[in-house]
């Protein structure tokens, strides 16, 4: 059995597909739980393993300081029946959003809303 999950940026309303969480390989052998990837809608390339991780890194760096969640597809189906969220479904689309990022932990920490600190301290 497998379940599809996505990264959701609440601030940007952007959705990044992680693929299905699986615990069996193609031959039915047990493996540790992992995301198996997804099909690029531009060129039908399978995005998985190192390719998937590279895109995850770009997405995460673009969303430093944002409120993000990992959510099941069923949740997105429930909250986005009108298709208002921005679903990224190709490598090119993700890479085109890559910004000129210069991480700085002090200035990035200042971007995190106070409510997060309050939630963590309670």
Protein backbone atom coordinates (compact mmCIF):
# COMPACT_ATOMS: atom_id res chain seq x y z
CA UNK A 1 0.00 0.00 0.00
CA UNK A 2 1.24 3.50 -0.75
CA UNK A 3 0.10 7.04 -0.09
CA UNK A 4 0.87 10.20 -2.08
CA UNK A 5 2.27 13.21 -0.21
CA UNK A 6 3.18 16.79 -1.11
CA UNK A 7 5.05 19.72 0.36
CA UNK A 8 2.64 22.62 0.80
CA UNK A 9 3.81 26.19 1.35
CA UNK A 10 0.97 27.85 3.21
CA UNK A 11 2.43 31.33 2.59
CA UNK A 12 2.88 30.97 -1.20
CA UNK A 13 0.09 28.41 -1.74
CA UNK A 14 2.57 26.34 -3.72
CA UNK A 15 2.51 22.54 -3.87
CA UNK A 16 5.50 20.29 -4.57
CA UNK A 17 4.87 16.60 -5.26
CA UNK A 18 6.96 14.16 -3.21
CA UNK A 19 5.37 11.10 -4.81
CA UNK A 20 4.11 8.06 -3.02
CA UNK A 21 5.51 6.98 0.32
CA UNK A 22 6.40 3.33 -0.20
CA UNK A 23 7.99 0.57 1.85
CA UNK A 24 8.47 -2.05 -0.90
CA UNK A 25 10.66 -2.03 -3.98
CA UNK A 26 9.55 -3.00 -7.51
CA UNK A 27 10.07 -6.69 -6.65
CA UNK A 28 7.94 -6.58 -3.50
CA UNK A 29 10.93 -6.65 -1.13
CA UNK A 30 10.65 -4.67 2.07
CA UNK A 31 12.60 -1.37 2.18
CA UNK A 32 12.61 1.60 4.60
CA UNK A 33 9.79 4.06 3.96
CA UNK A 34 10.71 6.54 1.23
CA UNK A 35 9.19 8.78 -1.41
CA UNK A 36 9.39 7.07 -4.79
CA UNK A 37 9.07 10.18 -6.97
CA UNK A 38 6.81 11.41 -9.76
CA UNK A 39 6.50 11.83 -13.52
CA UNK A 40 7.64 15.18 -14.99
CA UNK A 41 4.64 16.55 -16.90
CA UNK A 42 6.85 18.31 -19.49
CA UNK A 43 8.91 15.37 -20.71
CA UNK A 44 7.61 12.22 -18.94
CA UNK A 45 10.92 11.82 -17.09
CA UNK A 46 10.72 9.90 -13.80
CA UNK A 47 11.92 12.20 -10.99
CA UNK A 48 13.23 10.13 -8.06
CA UNK A 49 16.18 9.54 -5.73
CA UNK A 50 19.00 12.07 -6.33
CA UNK A 51 16.97 14.00 -8.92
CA UNK A 52 14.07 14.31 -6.49
CA UNK A 53 16.39 15.30 -3.63
CA UNK A 54 17.99 18.03 -5.77
CA UNK A 55 14.58 19.53 -6.52
CA UNK A 56 13.51 19.24 -2.86
CA UNK A 57 16.58 21.28 -1.90
CA UNK A 58 15.68 24.03 -4.40
CA UNK A 59 12.10 24.08 -3.13
CA UNK A 60 13.16 24.20 0.54
CA UNK A 61 15.66 27.01 -0.02
CA UNK A 62 12.99 29.01 -1.84
CA UNK A 63 10.69 28.68 1.18
CA UNK A 64 13.05 29.53 4.05
CA UNK A 65 11.00 31.16 6.81
CA UNK A 66 7.68 30.14 5.26
CA UNK A 67 5.06 27.98 6.89
CA UNK A 68 5.32 24.61 5.17
CA UNK A 69 3.66 21.27 5.72
CA UNK A 70 3.90 17.76 4.33
CA UNK A 71 0.34 16.83 3.48
CA UNK A 72 -1.40 13.83 1.93
CA UNK A 73 -3.03 14.22 -1.46
CA UNK A 74 -6.43 13.56 0.12
CA UNK A 75 -6.02 16.76 2.16
CA UNK A 76 -5.29 18.81 -0.97
CA UNK A 77 -8.31 17.27 -2.69
CA UNK A 78 -10.43 18.38 0.26
CA UNK A 79 -9.17 21.97 0.56
CA UNK A 80 -8.52 22.80 -3.11
CA UNK A 81 -11.58 21.62 -4.99
CA UNK A 82 -11.44 24.77 -7.15
CA UNK A 83 -7.75 24.31 -8.10
CA UNK A 84 -6.47 27.59 -6.65
CA UNK A 85 -3.17 26.20 -5.35
CA UNK A 86 -0.07 26.36 -7.57
CA UNK A 87 0.98 22.75 -8.31
CA UNK A 88 4.56 22.40 -9.53
CA UNK A 89 4.66 19.36 -11.80
CA UNK A 90 7.85 19.64 -13.83
CA UNK A 91 11.57 19.97 -13.11
CA UNK A 92 11.73 23.10 -15.28
CA UNK A 93 8.90 24.77 -13.39
CA UNK A 94 10.64 24.15 -10.05
CA UNK A 95 14.04 25.30 -11.32
CA UNK A 96 12.54 28.41 -12.91
CA UNK A 97 11.39 29.50 -9.46
CA UNK A 98 14.90 29.16 -8.02
CA UNK A 99 15.85 32.52 -6.63
CA UNK A 100 19.26 34.03 -6.06
CA UNK A 101 19.48 32.75 -2.52
CA UNK A 102 22.19 33.66 -0.05
CA UNK A 103 21.18 31.90 3.17
CA UNK A 104 21.92 33.88 6.32
CA UNK A 105 20.75 32.17 9.47
CA UNK A 106 20.34 35.40 11.47
CA UNK A 107 18.29 37.29 8.89
CA UNK A 108 16.36 34.12 7.98
CA UNK A 109 15.56 33.56 11.68
CA UNK A 110 14.11 37.07 11.82
CA UNK A 111 11.61 36.10 9.09
CA UNK A 112 9.98 33.39 11.19
CA UNK A 113 6.72 34.65 12.69
CA UNK A 114 6.61 35.17 16.47
CA UNK A 115 3.65 32.74 16.67
CA UNK A 116 6.03 29.89 15.78
CA UNK A 117 8.27 30.69 18.74
CA UNK A 118 5.24 30.92 21.02
CA UNK A 119 3.96 27.58 19.79
CA UNK A 120 7.35 25.92 20.32
CA UNK A 121 7.75 27.34 23.82
CA UNK A 122 4.34 26.18 25.08
